[in-house]
Amino acid sequence: IDYIQPGNPQQNAYIERFNRTMRFGLVSKYLFDSLEEVQARTTQWLWFYNHERPHTANGGHPPLKIAA
């Protein structure tokens, strides 16, 4: 990954978009008590994000359903 200059998130818009999605979909919804809880919730969220979440660009289908 190339260095991104501070204050220029548009230099890597895909990562910034994912960070926003993860922040609003996972990080801001829970107060974590342990690293194990963070790992468990993140695993659950990533599975949902890739296998169940409808995506408008895919005609309402999850990303991995289209990739298969």
Protein backbone atom coordinates (compact mmCIF):
# COMPACT_ATOMS: atom_id res chain seq x y z
CA ILE A 1 0.00 0.00 0.00
CA ASP A 2 1.37 3.38 -0.94
CA TYR A 3 1.69 6.13 1.62
CA ILE A 4 -1.38 8.36 1.84
CA GLN A 5 -0.70 11.98 2.71
CA PRO A 6 -2.45 13.24 5.86
CA GLY A 7 -5.64 15.07 4.99
CA ASN A 8 -5.98 13.38 1.57
CA PRO A 9 -8.26 10.36 2.05
CA GLN A 10 -9.32 10.60 -1.61
CA GLN A 11 -5.92 9.11 -2.50
CA ASN A 12 -7.32 5.73 -1.44
CA ALA A 13 -11.10 6.05 -1.71
CA TYR A 14 -11.84 2.31 -1.62
CA ILE A 15 -10.17 1.85 1.76
CA GLU A 16 -11.76 5.01 3.13
CA ARG A 17 -15.20 3.77 2.04
CA PHE A 18 -14.64 0.39 3.70
CA ASN A 19 -13.38 2.10 6.87
CA ARG A 20 -16.55 4.21 6.99
CA THR A 21 -18.76 1.17 6.44
CA MET A 22 -16.99 -0.79 9.17
CA ARG A 23 -17.04 2.15 11.57
CA PHE A 24 -20.81 2.68 11.20
CA GLY A 25 -21.68 -1.02 10.91
CA LEU A 26 -19.55 -2.44 13.69
CA VAL A 27 -17.27 -0.20 15.72
CA SER A 28 -19.81 2.45 16.73
CA LYS A 29 -22.46 -0.13 17.73
CA TYR A 30 -20.57 -1.96 20.48
CA LEU A 31 -18.47 -1.34 23.56
CA PHE A 32 -15.86 -4.06 23.58
CA ASP A 33 -14.54 -5.58 26.81
CA SER A 34 -11.77 -7.75 25.39
CA LEU A 35 -9.73 -8.41 22.29
CA GLU A 36 -11.49 -11.77 21.90
CA GLU A 37 -14.86 -10.00 21.73
CA VAL A 38 -13.51 -7.63 19.06
CA GLN A 39 -12.28 -10.60 17.02
CA ALA A 40 -15.58 -12.49 17.36
CA ARG A 41 -17.75 -9.49 16.44
CA THR A 42 -15.46 -8.61 13.53
CA THR A 43 -15.63 -12.16 12.17
CA GLN A 44 -19.43 -12.12 12.38
CA TRP A 45 -19.63 -8.71 10.72
CA LEU A 46 -17.27 -9.66 7.88
CA TRP A 47 -19.26 -12.82 7.19
CA PHE A 48 -22.48 -10.80 7.03
CA TYR A 49 -20.81 -8.10 4.90
CA ASN A 50 -19.65 -10.62 2.29
CA HIS A 51 -22.38 -13.30 2.37
CA GLU A 52 -25.71 -11.70 3.32
CA ARG A 53 -25.60 -7.93 2.85
CA PRO A 54 -27.53 -6.86 -0.25
CA HIS A 55 -25.55 -4.63 -2.57
CA THR A 56 -27.35 -2.33 -4.98
CA ALA A 57 -24.62 -2.56 -7.65
CA ASN A 58 -25.16 -6.34 -7.73
CA GLY A 59 -28.90 -6.12 -8.19
CA GLY A 60 -29.55 -6.64 -4.48
CA HIS A 61 -27.32 -9.71 -4.20
CA PRO A 62 -24.47 -10.20 -1.70
CA PRO A 63 -20.94 -9.68 -3.08
CA LEU A 64 -19.77 -13.30 -2.78
CA LYS A 65 -22.92 -14.67 -4.42
CA ILE A 66 -22.04 -12.71 -7.55
CA ALA A 67 -18.35 -13.70 -7.40
CA ALA A 68 -19.13 -17.42 -7.29
